[in-house]
PDB file of N, CA and C in Angstrom:
ATOM      1  N   MET A   1     -18.174 -12.843 -16.032  1.00  0.00           N
ATOM      2  CA  MET A   1     -17.133 -13.340 -15.409  1.00  0.00           C
ATOM      3  C   MET A   1     -17.546 -13.730 -14.060  1.00  0.00           C
ATOM      4  N   ASP A   2     -17.194 -15.029 -13.641  1.00  0.00           N
ATOM      5  CA  ASP A   2     -17.530 -15.318 -12.476  1.00  0.00           C
ATOM      6  C   ASP A   2     -16.825 -14.713 -11.134  1.00  0.00           C
ATOM      7  N   LEU A   3     -17.563 -15.185  -9.997  1.00  0.00           N
ATOM      8  CA  LEU A   3     -17.205 -14.312  -8.684  1.00  0.00           C
ATOM      9  C   LEU A   3     -15.597 -14.485  -8.444  1.00  0.00           C
ATOM     10  N   THR A   4     -15.320 -15.763  -8.450  1.00  0.00           N
ATOM     11  CA  THR A   4     -13.794 -16.018  -8.095  1.00  0.00           C
ATOM     12  C   THR A   4     -12.977 -15.573  -8.875  1.00  0.00           C
ATOM     13  N   LYS A   5     -13.254 -15.238 -10.259  1.00  0.00           N
ATOM     14  CA  LYS A   5     -12.354 -14.603 -11.185  1.00  0.00           C
ATOM     15  C   LYS A   5     -12.301 -12.903 -10.520  1.00  0.00           C
ATOM     16  N   ARG A   6     -13.300 -12.330 -10.588  1.00  0.00           N
ATOM     17  CA  ARG A   6     -13.680 -11.135 -10.201  1.00  0.00           C
ATOM     18  C   ARG A   6     -12.841 -10.767  -8.938  1.00  0.00           C
ATOM     19  N   VAL A   7     -13.343 -11.603  -7.797  1.00  0.00           N
ATOM     20  CA  VAL A   7     -12.224 -11.268  -6.478  1.00  0.00           C
ATOM     21  C   VAL A   7     -11.044 -11.378  -6.716  1.00  0.00           C
ATOM     22  N   GLY A   8     -10.305 -12.241  -7.174  1.00  0.00           N
ATOM     23  CA  GLY A   8      -8.774 -12.557  -7.689  1.00  0.00           C
ATOM     24  C   GLY A   8      -8.430 -11.386  -8.577  1.00  0.00           C
ATOM     25  N   MET A   9      -9.402 -10.843  -9.544  1.00  0.00           N
ATOM     26  CA  MET A   9      -8.904  -9.783 -10.526  1.00  0.00           C
ATOM     27  C   MET A   9      -9.002  -8.365  -9.667  1.00  0.00           C
ATOM     28  N   ASN A  10      -9.802  -8.387  -8.500  1.00  0.00           N
ATOM     29  CA  ASN A  10      -9.754  -7.198  -7.990  1.00  0.00           C
ATOM     30  C   ASN A  10      -8.805  -6.859  -6.597  1.00  0.00           C
ATOM     31  N   ILE A  11      -8.173  -8.348  -6.176  1.00  0.00           N
ATOM     32  CA  ILE A  11      -7.364  -8.376  -5.153  1.00  0.00           C
ATOM     33  C   ILE A  11      -5.862  -7.867  -5.902  1.00  0.00           C
ATOM     34  N   ARG A  12      -5.801  -8.205  -7.272  1.00  0.00           N
ATOM     35  CA  ARG A  12      -4.459  -8.023  -7.921  1.00  0.00           C
ATOM     36  C   ARG A  12      -4.574  -6.518  -8.120  1.00  0.00           C
ATOM     37  N   ALA A  13      -5.676  -5.897  -8.351  1.00  0.00           N
ATOM     38  CA  ALA A  13      -5.458  -4.515  -8.672  1.00  0.00           C
ATOM     39  C   ALA A  13      -5.450  -3.581  -7.285  1.00  0.00           C
ATOM     40  N   ILE A  14      -5.847  -4.066  -6.331  1.00  0.00           N
ATOM     41  CA  ILE A  14      -5.511  -3.620  -5.138  1.00  0.00           C
ATOM     42  C   ILE A  14      -4.262  -3.415  -4.710  1.00  0.00           C
ATOM     43  N   ARG A  15      -3.845  -4.841  -4.730  1.00  0.00           N
ATOM     44  CA  ARG A  15      -2.231  -5.050  -4.418  1.00  0.00           C
ATOM     45  C   ARG A  15      -1.099  -4.144  -5.192  1.00  0.00           C
ATOM     46  N   LYS A  16      -1.699  -4.006  -6.661  1.00  0.00           N
ATOM     47  CA  LYS A  16      -0.626  -3.341  -7.568  1.00  0.00           C
ATOM     48  C   LYS A  16      -0.867  -1.711  -7.101  1.00  0.00           C
ATOM     49  N   SER A  17      -2.028  -1.492  -6.851  1.00  0.00           N
ATOM     50  CA  SER A  17      -2.416   0.079  -6.543  1.00  0.00           C
ATOM     51  C   SER A  17      -1.838   0.429  -4.989  1.00  0.00           C
ATOM     52  N   GLN A  18      -0.921  -0.421  -4.163  1.00  0.00           N
ATOM     53  CA  GLN A  18      -0.548  -0.317  -3.066  1.00  0.00           C
ATOM     54  C   GLN A  18       0.955  -0.606  -3.138  1.00  0.00           C
ATOM     55  N   ASN A  19       1.376  -0.898  -4.598  1.00  0.00           N
ATOM     56  CA  ASN A  19       2.833  -0.868  -5.006  1.00  0.00           C
ATOM     57  C   ASN A  19       3.265  -2.274  -4.199  1.00  0.00           C
ATOM     58  N   LEU A  20       2.592  -3.264  -4.181  1.00  0.00           N
ATOM     59  CA  LEU A  20       3.067  -4.610  -3.508  1.00  0.00           C
ATOM     60  C   LEU A  20       3.185  -5.508  -4.642  1.00  0.00           C
ATOM     61  N   THR A  21       4.382  -6.327  -4.342  1.00  0.00           N
ATOM     62  CA  THR A  21       4.427  -7.502  -4.994  1.00  0.00           C
ATOM     63  C   THR A  21       3.803  -8.610  -4.409  1.00  0.00           C
ATOM     64  N   ILE A  22       3.676  -9.585  -5.559  1.00  0.00           N
ATOM     65  CA  ILE A  22       2.914 -10.812  -5.106  1.00  0.00           C
ATOM     66  C   ILE A  22       3.667 -11.311  -3.816  1.00  0.00           C
ATOM     67  N   ASP A  23       5.069 -11.335  -3.596  1.00  0.00           N
ATOM     68  CA  ASP A  23       5.639 -11.743  -2.558  1.00  0.00           C
ATOM     69  C   ASP A  23       5.425 -11.063  -1.570  1.00  0.00           C
ATOM     70  N   ASP A  24       5.275  -9.713  -1.590  1.00  0.00           N
ATOM     71  CA  ASP A  24       5.126  -8.941  -0.275  1.00  0.00           C
ATOM     72  C   ASP A  24       3.801  -9.087   0.308  1.00  0.00           C
ATOM     73  N   LEU A  25       2.741  -9.352  -0.628  1.00  0.00           N
ATOM     74  CA  LEU A  25       1.431  -9.915  -0.005  1.00  0.00           C
ATOM     75  C   LEU A  25       1.266 -11.234   0.549  1.00  0.00           C
ATOM     76  N   ALA A  26       1.857 -12.054  -0.112  1.00  0.00           N
ATOM     77  CA  ALA A  26       2.045 -13.445   0.439  1.00  0.00           C
ATOM     78  C   ALA A  26       2.469 -13.335   1.754  1.00  0.00           C
ATOM     79  N   GLU A  27       3.746 -12.749   1.950  1.00  0.00           N
ATOM     80  CA  GLU A  27       4.386 -12.606   3.410  1.00  0.00           C
ATOM     81  C   GLU A  27       3.467 -12.238   4.471  1.00  0.00           C
ATOM     82  N   LYS A  28       2.819 -10.863   3.980  1.00  0.00           N
ATOM     83  CA  LYS A  28       1.837 -10.263   5.103  1.00  0.00           C
ATOM     84  C   LYS A  28       0.545 -11.538   5.363  1.00  0.00           C
ATOM     85  N   CYS A  29       0.215 -12.287   4.381  1.00  0.00           N
ATOM     86  CA  CYS A  29      -0.749 -12.964   4.531  1.00  0.00           C
ATOM     87  C   CYS A  29      -0.390 -14.402   5.050  1.00  0.00           C
ATOM     88  N   ASP A  30       1.069 -14.913   5.166  1.00  0.00           N
ATOM     89  CA  ASP A  30       1.514 -16.040   5.468  1.00  0.00           C
ATOM     90  C   ASP A  30       1.051 -17.117   4.575  1.00  0.00           C
ATOM     91  N   PHE A  31       0.981 -16.717   3.278  1.00  0.00           N
ATOM     92  CA  PHE A  31       0.893 -17.631   2.243  1.00  0.00           C
ATOM     93  C   PHE A  31       2.078 -17.796   1.468  1.00  0.00           C
ATOM     94  N   GLN A  32       2.161 -19.133   0.499  1.00  0.00           N
ATOM     95  CA  GLN A  32       3.264 -19.036  -0.620  1.00  0.00           C
ATOM     96  C   GLN A  32       2.758 -17.969  -1.758  1.00  0.00           C
ATOM     97  N   SER A  33       3.698 -17.602  -2.420  1.00  0.00           N
ATOM     98  CA  SER A  33       3.391 -16.656  -3.654  1.00  0.00           C
ATOM     99  C   SER A  33       2.639 -17.451  -4.567  1.00  0.00           C
ATOM    100  N   PRO A  34       2.715 -18.644  -5.026  1.00  0.00           N
ATOM    101  CA  PRO A  34       2.383 -19.351  -6.160  1.00  0.00           C
ATOM    102  C   PRO A  34       0.800 -19.638  -5.892  1.00  0.00           C
ATOM    103  N   TYR A  35       0.608 -19.791  -4.497  1.00  0.00           N
ATOM    104  CA  TYR A  35      -0.967 -19.891  -4.099  1.00  0.00           C
ATOM    105  C   TYR A  35      -1.591 -18.768  -4.403  1.00  0.00           C
ATOM    106  N   LEU A  36      -1.190 -17.482  -3.890  1.00  0.00           N
ATOM    107  CA  LEU A  36      -1.466 -16.209  -3.971  1.00  0.00           C
ATOM    108  C   LEU A  36      -1.739 -15.822  -5.295  1.00  0.00           C
ATOM    109  N   SER A  37      -0.988 -16.322  -6.383  1.00  0.00           N
ATOM    110  CA  SER A  37      -1.015 -15.966  -7.574  1.00  0.00           C
ATOM    111  C   SER A  37      -2.251 -16.824  -8.224  1.00  0.00           C
ATOM    112  N   ASP A  38      -2.409 -17.899  -8.132  1.00  0.00           N
ATOM    113  CA  ASP A  38      -3.318 -18.797  -8.149  1.00  0.00           C
ATOM    114  C   ASP A  38      -4.945 -18.017  -7.838  1.00  0.00           C
ATOM    115  N   VAL A  39      -4.797 -17.705  -6.515  1.00  0.00           N
ATOM    116  CA  VAL A  39      -6.054 -16.961  -6.095  1.00  0.00           C
ATOM    117  C   VAL A  39      -6.385 -15.643  -7.225  1.00  0.00           C
ATOM    118  N   GLU A  40      -5.110 -14.661  -7.785  1.00  0.00           N
ATOM    119  CA  GLU A  40      -5.413 -13.763  -8.227  1.00  0.00           C
ATOM    120  C   GLU A  40      -6.020 -14.175  -9.703  1.00  0.00           C
ATOM    121  N   ARG A  41      -5.325 -15.248 -10.232  1.00  0.00           N
ATOM    122  CA  ARG A  41      -6.074 -15.690 -11.440  1.00  0.00           C
ATOM    123  C   ARG A  41      -7.309 -16.287 -11.326  1.00  0.00           C
ATOM    124  N   GLY A  42      -7.868 -16.136 -10.190  1.00  0.00           N
ATOM    125  CA  GLY A  42      -9.231 -16.851 -10.095  1.00  0.00           C
ATOM    126  C   GLY A  42      -9.253 -18.366 -10.314  1.00  0.00           C
ATOM    127  N   GLU A  43      -7.983 -18.975  -9.956  1.00  0.00           N
ATOM    128  CA  GLU A  43      -7.856 -20.419 -10.097  1.00  0.00           C
ATOM    129  C   GLU A  43      -8.231 -21.374  -8.771  1.00  0.00           C
ATOM    130  N   ARG A  44      -8.174 -20.549  -7.833  1.00  0.00           N
ATOM    131  CA  ARG A  44      -8.563 -21.182  -6.356  1.00  0.00           C
ATOM    132  C   ARG A  44      -9.812 -20.668  -5.917  1.00  0.00           C
ATOM    133  N   ASN A  45     -10.595 -21.393  -5.425  1.00  0.00           N
ATOM    134  CA  ASN A  45     -11.480 -21.237  -4.800  1.00  0.00           C
ATOM    135  C   ASN A  45     -11.572 -21.128  -3.081  1.00  0.00           C
ATOM    136  N   ILE A  46     -11.266 -19.777  -2.808  1.00  0.00           N
ATOM    137  CA  ILE A  46     -10.919 -19.677  -1.387  1.00  0.00           C
ATOM    138  C   ILE A  46     -11.766 -19.473  -0.554  1.00  0.00           C
ATOM    139  N   THR A  47     -11.391 -19.910   0.801  1.00  0.00           N
ATOM    140  CA  THR A  47     -12.387 -19.679   2.013  1.00  0.00           C
ATOM    141  C   THR A  47     -12.755 -18.333   2.675  1.00  0.00           C
ATOM    142  N   LEU A  48     -13.716 -18.111   3.171  1.00  0.00           N
ATOM    143  CA  LEU A  48     -14.033 -16.838   3.785  1.00  0.00           C
ATOM    144  C   LEU A  48     -12.735 -16.289   4.772  1.00  0.00           C
ATOM    145  N   GLN A  49     -12.183 -17.395   5.599  1.00  0.00           N
ATOM    146  CA  GLN A  49     -11.062 -17.215   6.438  1.00  0.00           C
ATOM    147  C   GLN A  49      -9.816 -16.742   5.472  1.00  0.00           C
ATOM    148  N   THR A  50      -9.501 -17.093   4.443  1.00  0.00           N
ATOM    149  CA  THR A  50      -8.360 -16.854   3.583  1.00  0.00           C
ATOM    150  C   THR A  50      -8.813 -15.394   3.106  1.00  0.00           C
ATOM    151  N   LEU A  51      -9.724 -15.268   2.523  1.00  0.00           N
ATOM    152  CA  LEU A  51     -10.129 -13.882   1.910  1.00  0.00           C
ATOM    153  C   LEU A  51     -10.143 -12.834   2.947  1.00  0.00           C
ATOM    154  N   ASN A  52     -10.436 -13.164   4.358  1.00  0.00           N
ATOM    155  CA  ASN A  52     -10.276 -12.255   5.303  1.00  0.00           C
ATOM    156  C   ASN A  52      -8.830 -11.902   5.458  1.00  0.00           C
ATOM    157  N   LYS A  53      -7.830 -12.739   5.614  1.00  0.00           N
ATOM    158  CA  LYS A  53      -6.394 -12.860   5.758  1.00  0.00           C
ATOM    159  C   LYS A  53      -5.996 -11.787   4.580  1.00  0.00           C
ATOM    160  N   ILE A  54      -6.395 -12.149   3.460  1.00  0.00           N
ATOM    161  CA  ILE A  54      -5.617 -11.094   2.455  1.00  0.00           C
ATOM    162  C   ILE A  54      -6.218  -9.716   2.532  1.00  0.00           C
ATOM    163  N   LEU A  55      -7.749  -9.723   3.033  1.00  0.00           N
ATOM    164  CA  LEU A  55      -8.163  -8.108   3.147  1.00  0.00           C
ATOM    165  C   LEU A  55      -7.715  -7.339   4.293  1.00  0.00           C
ATOM    166  N   ASP A  56      -7.409  -8.209   5.297  1.00  0.00           N
ATOM    167  CA  ASP A  56      -6.395  -7.435   6.253  1.00  0.00           C
ATOM    168  C   ASP A  56      -5.152  -7.153   5.799  1.00  0.00           C
ATOM    169  N   ALA A  57      -4.488  -7.968   5.311  1.00  0.00           N
ATOM    170  CA  ALA A  57      -3.093  -7.660   4.558  1.00  0.00           C
ATOM    171  C   ALA A  57      -3.233  -6.390   3.819  1.00  0.00           C
ATOM    172  N   LEU A  58      -4.200  -6.349   2.964  1.00  0.00           N
ATOM    173  CA  LEU A  58      -4.205  -5.120   2.162  1.00  0.00           C
ATOM    174  C   LEU A  58      -5.049  -3.870   2.712  1.00  0.00           C
ATOM    175  N   ASN A  59      -5.557  -4.151   3.958  1.00  0.00           N
ATOM    176  CA  ASN A  59      -6.361  -2.977   4.794  1.00  0.00           C
ATOM    177  C   ASN A  59      -7.609  -2.617   4.092  1.00  0.00           C
ATOM    178  N   VAL A  60      -8.314  -3.352   3.441  1.00  0.00           N
ATOM    179  CA  VAL A  60      -9.504  -3.177   2.827  1.00  0.00           C
ATOM    180  C   VAL A  60     -10.586  -4.071   3.149  1.00  0.00           C
ATOM    181  N   GLY A  61     -11.795  -3.525   2.986  1.00  0.00           N
ATOM    182  CA  GLY A  61     -12.977  -4.172   3.516  1.00  0.00           C
ATOM    183  C   GLY A  61     -13.474  -5.339   2.043  1.00  0.00           C
ATOM    184  N   PRO A  62     -14.367  -5.881   2.326  1.00  0.00           N
ATOM    185  CA  PRO A  62     -15.041  -7.003   1.333  1.00  0.00           C
ATOM    186  C   PRO A  62     -15.585  -6.113   0.278  1.00  0.00           C
ATOM    187  N   GLY A  63     -15.986  -5.111   0.324  1.00  0.00           N
ATOM    188  CA  GLY A  63     -16.487  -4.544  -0.711  1.00  0.00           C
ATOM    189  C   GLY A  63     -15.587  -4.196  -1.740  1.00  0.00           C
ATOM    190  N   LYS A  64     -14.243  -4.288  -1.413  1.00  0.00           N
ATOM    191  CA  LYS A  64     -13.269  -3.562  -2.433  1.00  0.00           C
ATOM    192  C   LYS A  64     -13.117  -4.597  -3.353  1.00  0.00           C
ATOM    193  N   VAL A  65     -13.264  -5.899  -2.971  1.00  0.00           N
ATOM    194  CA  VAL A  65     -12.790  -7.057  -3.978  1.00  0.00           C
ATOM    195  C   VAL A  65     -14.213  -7.749  -4.713  1.00  0.00           C
ATOM    196  N   LEU A  66     -15.413  -7.234  -4.030  1.00  0.00           N
ATOM    197  CA  LEU A  66     -16.382  -7.599  -4.626  1.00  0.00           C
ATOM    198  C   LEU A  66     -17.346  -6.814  -5.508  1.00  0.00           C
ATOM    199  N   ILE A  67     -16.538  -5.789  -5.961  1.00  0.00           N
ATOM    200  CA  ILE A  67     -16.954  -4.830  -6.915  1.00  0.00           C
ATOM    201  C   ILE A  67     -17.481  -5.563  -8.211  1.00  0.00           C
ATOM    202  N   PRO A  68     -18.686  -5.493  -8.644  1.00  0.00           N
ATOM    203  CA  PRO A  68     -19.437  -6.262  -9.829  1.00  0.00           C
ATOM    204  C   PRO A  68     -18.511  -5.907 -11.063  1.00  0.00           C
ATOM    205  N   GLU A  69     -18.461  -6.823 -12.120  1.00  0.00           N
ATOM    206  CA  GLU A  69     -17.706  -6.194 -13.407  1.00  0.00           C
ATOM    207  C   GLU A  69     -18.165  -5.451 -14.105  1.00  0.00           C
ATOM    208  N   ASN A  70     -19.589  -5.295 -13.784  1.00  0.00           N
ATOM    209  CA  ASN A  70     -20.523  -4.343 -14.645  1.00  0.00           C
ATOM    210  C   ASN A  70     -21.028  -3.371 -13.627  1.00  0.00           C
ATOM    211  N   ALA A  71     -20.835  -2.182 -13.695  1.00  0.00           N
ATOM    212  CA  ALA A  71     -20.997  -0.992 -13.138  1.00  0.00           C
ATOM    213  C   ALA A  71     -22.837  -0.941 -12.807  1.00  0.00           C
ATOM    214  N   ASP A  72     -23.308  -1.453 -13.969  1.00  0.00           N
ATOM    215  CA  ASP A  72     -24.760  -1.269 -13.921  1.00  0.00           C
ATOM    216  C   ASP A  72     -25.185  -2.110 -12.561  1.00  0.00           C
ATOM    217  N   GLU A  73     -24.531  -3.213 -11.982  1.00  0.00           N
ATOM    218  CA  GLU A  73     -24.811  -3.905 -10.958  1.00  0.00           C
ATOM    219  C   GLU A  73     -25.072  -3.475  -9.742  1.00  0.00           C
ATOM    220  N   VAL A  74     -24.383  -2.213  -9.708  1.00  0.00           N
ATOM    221  CA  VAL A  74     -24.697  -1.409  -8.265  1.00  0.00           C
ATOM    222  C   VAL A  74     -24.681   0.229  -8.678  1.00  0.00           C
ATOM    223  N   GLU A  75     -25.152   0.771  -7.781  1.00  0.00           N
ATOM    224  CA  GLU A  75     -25.476   2.551  -8.093  1.00  0.00           C
ATOM    225  C   GLU A  75     -23.880   3.094  -8.140  1.00  0.00           C
ATOM    226  N   ALA A  76     -24.207   4.033  -9.121  1.00  0.00           N
ATOM    227  CA  ALA A  76     -23.128   4.782  -9.780  1.00  0.00           C
ATOM    228  C   ALA A  76     -22.119   5.479  -8.417  1.00  0.00           C
ATOM    229  N   THR A  77     -22.678   5.909  -7.581  1.00  0.00           N
ATOM    230  CA  THR A  77     -22.241   6.461  -6.284  1.00  0.00           C
ATOM    231  C   THR A  77     -21.169   5.424  -5.635  1.00  0.00           C
ATOM    232  N   ASP A  78     -21.724   4.207  -5.475  1.00  0.00           N
ATOM    233  CA  ASP A  78     -20.985   2.953  -5.053  1.00  0.00           C
ATOM    234  C   ASP A  78     -19.607   2.804  -5.834  1.00  0.00           C
ATOM    235  N   VAL A  79     -19.753   2.838  -7.051  1.00  0.00           N
ATOM    236  CA  VAL A  79     -18.662   2.630  -7.944  1.00  0.00           C
ATOM    237  C   VAL A  79     -17.631   3.878  -7.662  1.00  0.00           C
ATOM    238  N   ARG A  80     -18.287   4.797  -7.862  1.00  0.00           N
ATOM    239  CA  ARG A  80     -17.504   6.088  -7.656  1.00  0.00           C
ATOM    240  C   ARG A  80     -16.693   6.334  -6.240  1.00  0.00           C
ATOM    241  N   ARG A  81     -17.330   5.914  -5.296  1.00  0.00           N
ATOM    242  CA  ARG A  81     -16.730   5.624  -3.863  1.00  0.00           C
ATOM    243  C   ARG A  81     -15.437   4.748  -3.856  1.00  0.00           C
ATOM    244  N   GLU A  82     -15.807   3.446  -4.587  1.00  0.00           N
ATOM    245  CA  GLU A  82     -14.817   2.621  -4.967  1.00  0.00           C
ATOM    246  C   GLU A  82     -13.464   3.018  -5.362  1.00  0.00           C
ATOM    247  N   LEU A  83     -13.861   3.737  -6.467  1.00  0.00           N
ATOM    248  CA  LEU A  83     -12.521   4.207  -7.546  1.00  0.00           C
ATOM    249  C   LEU A  83     -11.887   5.499  -6.875  1.00  0.00           C
ATOM    250  N   ILE A  84     -12.567   6.166  -5.958  1.00  0.00           N
ATOM    251  CA  ILE A  84     -11.998   6.988  -4.931  1.00  0.00           C
ATOM    252  C   ILE A  84     -11.016   6.492  -3.850  1.00  0.00           C
ATOM    253  N   GLN A  85     -11.527   5.446  -3.387  1.00  0.00           N
ATOM    254  CA  GLN A  85     -10.950   4.857  -2.391  1.00  0.00           C
ATOM    255  C   GLN A  85      -9.570   4.168  -2.840  1.00  0.00           C
ATOM    256  N   LEU A  86      -9.683   3.815  -4.205  1.00  0.00           N
ATOM    257  CA  LEU A  86      -8.511   3.045  -4.824  1.00  0.00           C
ATOM    258  C   LEU A  86      -7.354   4.091  -5.211  1.00  0.00           C
ATOM    259  N   ILE A  87      -7.882   5.338  -5.548  1.00  0.00           N
ATOM    260  CA  ILE A  87      -6.811   6.228  -5.753  1.00  0.00           C
ATOM    261  C   ILE A  87      -6.405   6.713  -4.475  1.00  0.00           C
ATOM    262  N   LEU A  88      -7.155   6.892  -3.524  1.00  0.00           N
ATOM    263  CA  LEU A  88      -6.443   7.237  -1.909  1.00  0.00           C
ATOM    264  C   LEU A  88      -5.361   6.372  -1.911  1.00  0.00           C
ATOM    265  N   ASN A  89      -5.471   5.196  -1.781  1.00  0.00           N
ATOM    266  CA  ASN A  89      -4.833   3.960  -1.470  1.00  0.00           C
ATOM    267  C   ASN A  89      -3.429   4.127  -2.274  1.00  0.00           C
ATOM    268  N   MET A  90      -3.707   4.294  -3.664  1.00  0.00           N
ATOM    269  CA  MET A  90      -2.185   4.698  -4.207  1.00  0.00           C
ATOM    270  C   MET A  90      -1.404   5.834  -3.555  1.00  0.00           C
ATOM    271  N   LEU A  91      -2.204   7.012  -3.348  1.00  0.00           N
ATOM    272  CA  LEU A  91      -1.513   8.191  -2.776  1.00  0.00           C
ATOM    273  C   LEU A  91      -1.049   7.962  -1.597  1.00  0.00           C
ATOM    274  N   GLU A  92      -1.363   7.150  -0.817  1.00  0.00           N
ATOM    275  CA  GLU A  92      -1.466   7.049   0.602  1.00  0.00           C
ATOM    276  C   GLU A  92       0.196   7.247   1.212  1.00  0.00           C
ATOM    277  N   ASP A  93       1.204   6.702   0.466  1.00  0.00           N
ATOM    278  CA  ASP A  93       2.594   6.563   1.151  1.00  0.00           C
ATOM    279  C   ASP A  93       3.345   7.399   0.482  1.00  0.00           C
ATOM    280  N   LYS A  94       2.972   8.441  -0.476  1.00  0.00           N
ATOM    281  CA  LYS A  94       3.563   9.286  -1.276  1.00  0.00           C
ATOM    282  C   LYS A  94       3.997  10.601  -0.341  1.00  0.00           C
ATOM    283  N   ASN A  95       5.049  10.960  -0.813  1.00  0.00           N
ATOM    284  CA  ASN A  95       5.455  12.308  -0.134  1.00  0.00           C
ATOM    285  C   ASN A  95       4.925  13.633  -0.502  1.00  0.00           C
ATOM    286  N   GLU A  96       5.055  14.767   0.288  1.00  0.00           N
ATOM    287  CA  GLU A  96       4.322  15.932  -0.266  1.00  0.00           C
ATOM    288  C   GLU A  96       4.572  16.303  -1.407  1.00  0.00           C
ATOM    289  N   GLY A  97       6.110  16.278  -2.104  1.00  0.00           N
ATOM    290  CA  GLY A  97       6.684  16.887  -3.314  1.00  0.00           C
ATOM    291  C   GLY A  97       6.005  15.801  -4.238  1.00  0.00           C
ATOM    292  N   ASP A  98       5.639  14.443  -4.044  1.00  0.00           N
ATOM    293  CA  ASP A  98       5.115  13.552  -5.061  1.00  0.00           C
ATOM    294  C   ASP A  98       3.790  14.218  -5.220  1.00  0.00           C
ATOM    295  N   LEU A  99       3.131  14.328  -4.121  1.00  0.00           N
ATOM    296  CA  LEU A  99       1.507  14.617  -3.924  1.00  0.00           C
ATOM    297  C   LEU A  99       1.344  16.222  -4.744  1.00  0.00           C
ATOM    298  N   ARG A 100       2.321  17.103  -4.431  1.00  0.00           N
ATOM    299  CA  ARG A 100       1.930  18.378  -5.226  1.00  0.00           C
ATOM    300  C   ARG A 100       2.107  18.190  -6.865  1.00  0.00           C
ATOM    301  N   MET A 101       3.226  17.385  -7.278  1.00  0.00           N
ATOM    302  CA  MET A 101       3.347  17.097  -8.591  1.00  0.00           C
ATOM    303  C   MET A 101       2.174  16.489  -9.234  1.00  0.00           C
ATOM    304  N   LEU A 102       1.751  15.168  -8.529  1.00  0.00           N
ATOM    305  CA  LEU A 102       0.424  14.789  -8.878  1.00  0.00           C
ATOM    306  C   LEU A 102      -0.809  15.639  -9.208  1.00  0.00           C
ATOM    307  N   LEU A 103      -0.776  16.366  -8.195  1.00  0.00           N
ATOM    308  CA  LEU A 103      -2.025  17.373  -8.267  1.00  0.00           C
ATOM    309  C   LEU A 103      -1.790  18.623  -9.309  1.00  0.00           C
ATOM    310  N   ASN A 104      -0.451  18.905  -9.697  1.00  0.00           N
ATOM    311  CA  ASN A 104      -0.352  19.985 -10.955  1.00  0.00           C
ATOM    312  C   ASN A 104      -0.541  19.017 -12.289  1.00  0.00           C
ATOM    313  N   VAL A 105      -0.147  17.915 -12.313  1.00  0.00           N
ATOM    314  CA  VAL A 105      -0.369  17.217 -13.357  1.00  0.00           C
ATOM    315  C   VAL A 105      -1.920  16.911 -13.744  1.00  0.00           C
ATOM    316  N   SER A 106      -2.631  16.554 -12.522  1.00  0.00           N
ATOM    317  CA  SER A 106      -3.930  16.359 -12.656  1.00  0.00           C
ATOM    318  C   SER A 106      -4.843  17.632 -12.852  1.00  0.00           C
ATOM    319  N   ASN A 107      -4.377  18.609 -12.423  1.00  0.00           N
ATOM    320  CA  ASN A 107      -4.941  20.021 -12.882  1.00  0.00           C
ATOM    321  C   ASN A 107      -4.957  20.128 -14.336  1.00  0.00           C
ATOM    322  N   GLU A 108      -3.733  19.968 -14.886  1.00  0.00           N
ATOM    323  CA  GLU A 108      -3.452  20.154 -16.317  1.00  0.00           C
ATOM    324  C   GLU A 108      -4.254  19.222 -17.112  1.00  0.00           C
ATOM    325  N   ILE A 109      -4.366  17.920 -16.729  1.00  0.00           N
ATOM    326  CA  ILE A 109      -4.981  17.075 -17.568  1.00  0.00           C
ATOM    327  C   ILE A 109      -6.357  17.598 -17.413  1.00  0.00           C
ATOM    328  N   PHE A 110      -7.224  17.801 -16.513  1.00  0.00           N
ATOM    329  CA  PHE A 110      -8.515  18.422 -16.107  1.00  0.00           C
ATOM    330  C   PHE A 110      -8.852  19.458 -16.805  1.00  0.00           C
ATOM    331  N   LYS A 111      -8.040  20.474 -17.020  1.00  0.00           N
ATOM    332  CA  LYS A 111      -8.075  21.501 -17.856  1.00  0.00           C
ATOM    333  C   LYS A 111      -8.156  21.299 -19.642  1.00  0.00           C
ATOM    334  N   THR A 112      -7.115  20.322 -19.521  1.00  0.00           N
ATOM    335  CA  THR A 112      -7.481  19.931 -21.322  1.00  0.00           C
ATOM    336  C   THR A 112      -8.445  19.195 -21.451  1.00  0.00           C
ATOM    337  N   TYR A 113      -8.961  18.388 -20.657  1.00  0.00           N
ATOM    338  CA  TYR A 113     -10.455  17.816 -20.730  1.00  0.00           C
ATOM    339  C   TYR A 113     -11.588  18.388 -20.890  1.00  0.00           C
ATOM    340  N   LYS A 114     -11.471  19.737 -20.088  1.00  0.00           N
ATOM    341  CA  LYS A 114     -12.713  20.641 -20.075  1.00  0.00           C
ATOM    342  C   LYS A 114     -12.665  21.391 -21.597  1.00  0.00           C
ATOM    343  N   LYS A 115     -11.462  21.466 -22.052  1.00  0.00           N
ATOM    344  CA  LYS A 115     -11.578  22.118 -23.198  1.00  0.00           C
ATOM    345  C   LYS A 115     -12.174  21.056 -24.331  1.00  0.00           C
ATOM    346  N   ASN A 116     -11.778  20.092 -24.374  1.00  0.00           N
ATOM    347  CA  ASN A 116     -12.535  19.181 -25.356  1.00  0.00           C
ATOM    348  C   ASN A 116     -13.809  18.842 -25.084  1.00  0.00           C
TER     349      ASN A 116
END
């Protein structure tokens, strides 16, 4: 996968993990939704200034969108850190009740996983 598609795919994944619609992100960046959709599909070769606007709107650093498609390209700890950050981003706006429920569900999943 080329870098343009990888960056677009990662922007889309981060946007979705933050429960933002394409319109929400476009508004935050002051872009048109169709343009941003092209970026996410890897059909636009964007400038560093455009990338910076998107990163600011998503409140993430450049490493978040430049994650290689193949985990072998970076150390496992870097991939692990990136995945943990994506999970944290998804949980950031949840209320205490939702977080407790997610914790309980996660505990049950891990208990089952350990048995197998």
